[in-house]
Amino acid sequence: MAYQIYLVRHGRTWYNEYEKMQGWSDTPLTTDGVAVAQKAAESLKNVDFAAALTSDMKRAVDTTRIITRRNKNHLVPQELSEFREQFYGYFEGRSIDESWFAIGKPHHARGFADIVNKYGFDATMDFVKEADPLHDAENSQEYWSRIERGFKKVDRIAKDGDKILLVTHSITILGFAIRYKTKDIVLNDIPANASLTLLERDPATDTNKITKYNQSLIK
């Protein structure tokens, strides 16, 4: 048994606009964010989705509702908190560039991309928790344990050959792409708002494979 997950990043938000760490904080979609989500909905309107799932963050829920209202199956979205963005703790709502500079500095890394290049993707989460004065932020073990619980929930919903819509977040999708990418996949930057990434999952072997990354849905 295997099925496809259509990973769509939510539309642009005010924290995206102001370049702030968003994580579990939630800001509404901007006017442009709604418009982009509507264009994604138009591109996906004829996809035969068996289920529509979303992170429980409002920005993802609102994007999902825009997509499902236009999709031919008119599905009712189901919220799964397991597919939230990483939790940044103390750094929530702070400047992205300033935060990643502070997080990476003790490790001689100058930002998010530099941390990934030198230490790997999981280190970005471990270093956030380390830099958080209260250590409330998620580390990689906490994050991936949450994600695995989410996949198990999807397994109970999906059937062989199904197409499942899952609206989630940029770093969540990037993490999947780094962890599960095939050799022919090029990771061309962080997923754009309302972009599409395809993941094939086989619950029998608990394996995931990214087959398409950061594809534009804007026509």
Protein backbone atom coordinates (compact mmCIF):
# COMPACT_ATOMS: atom_id res chain seq x y z
CA MET A 1 0.00 0.00 0.00
CA ALA A 2 1.22 3.49 -0.85
CA TYR A 3 -0.32 6.92 -1.26
CA GLN A 4 0.65 10.46 -2.27
CA ILE A 5 0.68 13.52 -0.04
CA TYR A 6 0.31 16.86 -1.79
CA LEU A 7 2.25 19.19 0.51
CA VAL A 8 1.20 22.80 0.01
CA ARG A 9 2.69 25.70 1.90
CA HIS A 10 0.16 28.19 3.28
CA GLY A 11 -0.32 31.61 1.67
CA ARG A 12 1.78 34.61 2.63
CA THR A 13 1.17 36.04 6.13
CA TRP A 14 1.99 39.29 7.90
CA TYR A 15 4.93 37.69 9.71
CA ASN A 16 6.21 36.50 6.32
CA GLU A 17 5.83 40.08 5.12
CA TYR A 18 7.76 41.47 8.10
CA GLU A 19 10.36 38.65 8.01
CA LYS A 20 9.69 37.43 11.54
CA MET A 21 10.06 33.96 13.04
CA GLN A 22 6.54 32.52 12.90
CA GLY A 23 6.57 28.95 14.22
CA TRP A 24 3.59 28.42 16.52
CA SER A 25 2.72 32.12 16.42
CA ASP A 26 -0.10 32.87 14.02
CA THR A 27 -0.73 35.89 11.83
CA PRO A 28 -3.44 36.18 9.17
CA LEU A 29 -2.95 35.76 5.47
CA THR A 30 -2.25 39.04 3.71
CA THR A 31 -4.41 40.13 0.77
CA ASP A 32 -1.67 38.80 -1.49
CA GLY A 33 -1.57 35.60 0.57
CA VAL A 34 -5.27 35.00 -0.06
CA ALA A 35 -4.83 35.71 -3.78
CA VAL A 36 -1.93 33.26 -4.06
CA ALA A 37 -3.92 30.60 -2.20
CA GLN A 38 -6.81 31.14 -4.61
CA LYS A 39 -4.49 30.61 -7.57
CA ALA A 40 -3.20 27.41 -5.98
CA ALA A 41 -6.82 26.31 -5.50
CA GLU A 42 -7.48 26.86 -9.19
CA SER A 43 -4.49 24.66 -10.09
CA LEU A 44 -5.63 21.89 -7.74
CA LYS A 45 -9.39 22.06 -8.37
CA ASN A 46 -9.55 18.85 -10.40
CA VAL A 47 -7.22 16.73 -8.25
CA ASP A 48 -9.17 13.79 -6.84
CA PHE A 49 -8.23 14.26 -3.18
CA ALA A 50 -9.41 11.52 -0.81
CA ALA A 51 -8.85 13.72 2.24
CA ALA A 52 -7.84 17.28 3.09
CA LEU A 53 -5.53 17.72 6.08
CA THR A 54 -3.96 20.82 7.54
CA SER A 55 -1.76 22.05 10.34
CA ASP A 56 -4.00 23.57 13.01
CA MET A 57 -2.38 26.99 12.58
CA LYS A 58 -4.94 29.49 11.23
CA ARG A 59 -2.77 30.45 8.25
CA ALA A 60 -2.74 26.81 7.11
CA VAL A 61 -6.42 26.22 7.92
CA ASP A 62 -7.49 29.29 5.95
CA THR A 63 -5.37 28.24 2.97
CA THR A 64 -6.84 24.72 3.09
CA ARG A 65 -10.38 26.05 3.13
CA ILE A 66 -9.68 28.19 0.07
CA ILE A 67 -8.38 25.09 -1.75
CA THR A 68 -11.13 22.69 -0.66
CA ARG A 69 -13.94 25.11 -1.53
CA ARG A 70 -12.76 25.08 -5.15
CA ASN A 71 -11.77 21.40 -5.34
CA LYS A 72 -14.25 19.12 -7.08
CA ASN A 73 -14.63 16.88 -4.00
CA HIS A 74 -15.52 19.72 -1.58
CA LEU A 75 -13.81 17.97 1.34
CA VAL A 76 -14.06 19.11 4.94
CA PRO A 77 -10.50 19.80 6.20
CA GLN A 78 -9.20 17.91 9.22
CA GLU A 79 -6.73 19.73 11.49
CA LEU A 80 -3.63 17.88 12.71
CA SER A 81 -1.44 19.73 15.22
CA GLU A 82 1.38 17.29 14.50
CA PHE A 83 2.10 19.10 11.24
CA ARG A 84 2.67 22.51 12.78
CA GLU A 85 5.85 24.42 12.01
CA GLN A 86 8.80 24.02 14.35
CA PHE A 87 8.33 25.80 17.71
CA TYR A 88 10.95 28.54 18.15
CA GLY A 89 10.29 29.34 21.81
CA TYR A 90 11.95 32.60 22.86
CA PHE A 91 12.58 33.50 19.21
CA GLU A 92 8.91 33.47 18.15
CA GLY A 93 7.97 36.80 16.57
CA ARG A 94 11.56 38.05 16.39
CA SER A 95 13.49 39.09 13.28
CA ILE A 96 14.46 36.07 11.15
CA ASP A 97 17.94 37.32 10.25
CA GLU A 98 18.79 38.55 13.75
CA SER A 99 17.50 35.35 15.34
CA TRP A 100 19.43 32.98 13.11
CA PHE A 101 22.58 35.07 13.53
CA ALA A 102 22.26 34.77 17.33
CA ILE A 103 21.41 31.06 17.13
CA GLY A 104 24.31 30.22 14.83
CA LYS A 105 26.99 32.49 16.35
CA PRO A 106 28.12 30.08 19.15
CA HIS A 107 28.71 27.48 16.42
CA HIS A 108 30.54 29.82 14.04
CA ALA A 109 27.62 29.82 11.61
CA ARG A 110 26.17 33.03 10.20
CA GLY A 111 22.55 31.99 9.68
CA PHE A 112 20.08 29.23 8.88
CA ALA A 113 21.63 28.12 5.58
CA ASP A 114 25.13 28.16 7.08
CA ILE A 115 23.99 25.94 9.96
CA VAL A 116 22.41 23.47 7.52
CA ASN A 117 25.54 23.41 5.34
CA LYS A 118 27.93 22.90 8.25
CA TYR A 119 25.91 20.76 10.67
CA GLY A 120 22.81 19.44 8.88
CA PHE A 121 19.12 20.35 9.04
CA ASP A 122 18.44 18.84 12.47
CA ALA A 123 21.09 21.08 14.01
CA THR A 124 18.95 24.13 13.22
CA MET A 125 16.37 22.86 15.73
CA ASP A 126 18.89 21.67 18.29
CA PHE A 127 20.70 25.02 18.19
CA VAL A 128 17.41 26.95 18.60
CA LYS A 129 16.59 25.04 21.78
CA GLU A 130 20.14 25.54 23.03
CA ALA A 131 19.99 29.31 22.37
CA ASP A 132 16.51 29.73 23.88
CA PRO A 133 17.07 31.08 27.45
CA LEU A 134 14.12 29.00 28.70
CA HIS A 135 14.83 26.03 26.38
CA ASP A 136 11.16 25.91 25.40
CA ALA A 137 11.90 25.60 21.68
CA GLU A 138 11.66 22.17 20.04
CA ASN A 139 14.81 20.21 19.36
CA SER A 140 15.05 17.76 16.46
CA GLN A 141 14.05 14.71 18.50
CA GLU A 142 10.91 16.43 19.81
CA TYR A 143 10.06 17.74 16.35
CA TRP A 144 10.47 14.47 14.43
CA SER A 145 8.63 12.47 17.10
CA ARG A 146 5.68 14.83 16.61
CA ILE A 147 5.86 14.50 12.83
CA GLU A 148 5.97 10.69 13.03
CA ARG A 149 2.80 10.75 15.13
CA GLY A 150 1.24 12.83 12.38
CA PHE A 151 2.18 10.34 9.66
CA LYS A 152 0.64 7.50 11.69
CA LYS A 153 -2.62 9.47 11.83
CA VAL A 154 -2.54 9.98 8.05
CA ASP A 155 -1.94 6.22 7.61
CA ARG A 156 -5.25 5.55 9.34
CA ILE A 157 -7.04 7.83 6.88
CA ALA A 158 -5.36 6.98 3.57
CA LYS A 159 -5.92 3.99 1.31
CA ASP A 160 -3.74 2.54 -1.42
CA GLY A 161 -3.38 4.97 -4.32
CA ASP A 162 -5.02 7.91 -2.53
CA LYS A 163 -4.07 11.53 -3.04
CA ILE A 164 -4.05 13.42 0.26
CA LEU A 165 -3.87 17.21 0.54
CA LEU A 166 -1.77 18.46 3.47
CA VAL A 167 -1.32 22.21 3.94
CA THR A 168 1.63 22.94 6.21
CA HIS A 169 4.68 25.20 6.59
CA SER A 170 7.93 26.09 4.83
CA ILE A 171 10.47 24.61 7.24
CA THR A 172 8.30 21.52 7.72
CA ILE A 173 8.27 20.91 3.98
CA LEU A 174 11.98 21.72 3.66
CA GLY A 175 12.73 19.24 6.45
CA PHE A 176 10.79 16.54 4.62
CA ALA A 177 12.63 17.33 1.39
CA ILE A 178 16.07 17.12 3.01
CA ARG A 179 15.20 13.94 4.92
CA TYR A 180 13.32 12.09 2.18
CA LYS A 181 14.53 13.47 -1.17
CA THR A 182 15.50 11.26 -4.10
CA LYS A 183 18.79 11.84 -5.90
CA ASP A 184 17.18 13.71 -8.79
CA ILE A 185 15.48 16.31 -6.57
CA VAL A 186 17.13 19.74 -6.41
CA LEU A 187 16.35 21.73 -3.29
CA ASN A 188 15.90 25.16 -4.84
CA ASP A 189 15.48 27.38 -1.79
CA ILE A 190 12.77 27.31 0.88
CA PRO A 191 9.30 26.37 -0.47
CA ALA A 192 7.37 29.37 -1.75
CA ASN A 193 3.97 30.32 -0.37
CA ALA A 194 1.26 28.10 -1.93
CA SER A 195 3.88 25.96 -3.71
CA LEU A 196 3.50 22.18 -4.16
CA THR A 197 5.80 19.41 -2.99
CA LEU A 198 4.87 15.74 -3.57
CA LEU A 199 5.65 13.02 -1.04
CA GLU A 200 5.00 9.32 -1.61
CA ARG A 201 4.45 7.30 1.57
CA ASP A 202 4.44 3.54 2.08
CA PRO A 203 3.03 2.78 5.55
CA ALA A 204 3.94 -0.90 5.28
CA THR A 205 7.63 -0.03 5.37
CA ASP A 206 7.22 3.37 7.07
CA THR A 207 9.13 5.04 4.23
CA ASN A 208 8.69 8.42 2.56
CA LYS A 209 10.02 9.70 -0.75
CA ILE A 210 9.92 13.25 -2.11
CA THR A 211 9.25 13.13 -5.86
CA LYS A 212 8.65 16.81 -6.58
CA TYR A 213 9.78 19.91 -4.69
CA ASN A 214 8.65 23.54 -4.55
CA GLN A 215 6.61 23.48 -7.75
CA SER A 216 4.79 26.70 -8.52
CA LEU A 217 1.01 26.49 -8.64
CA ILE A 218 0.69 30.04 -9.92
CA LYS A 219 -0.38 30.36 -13.55
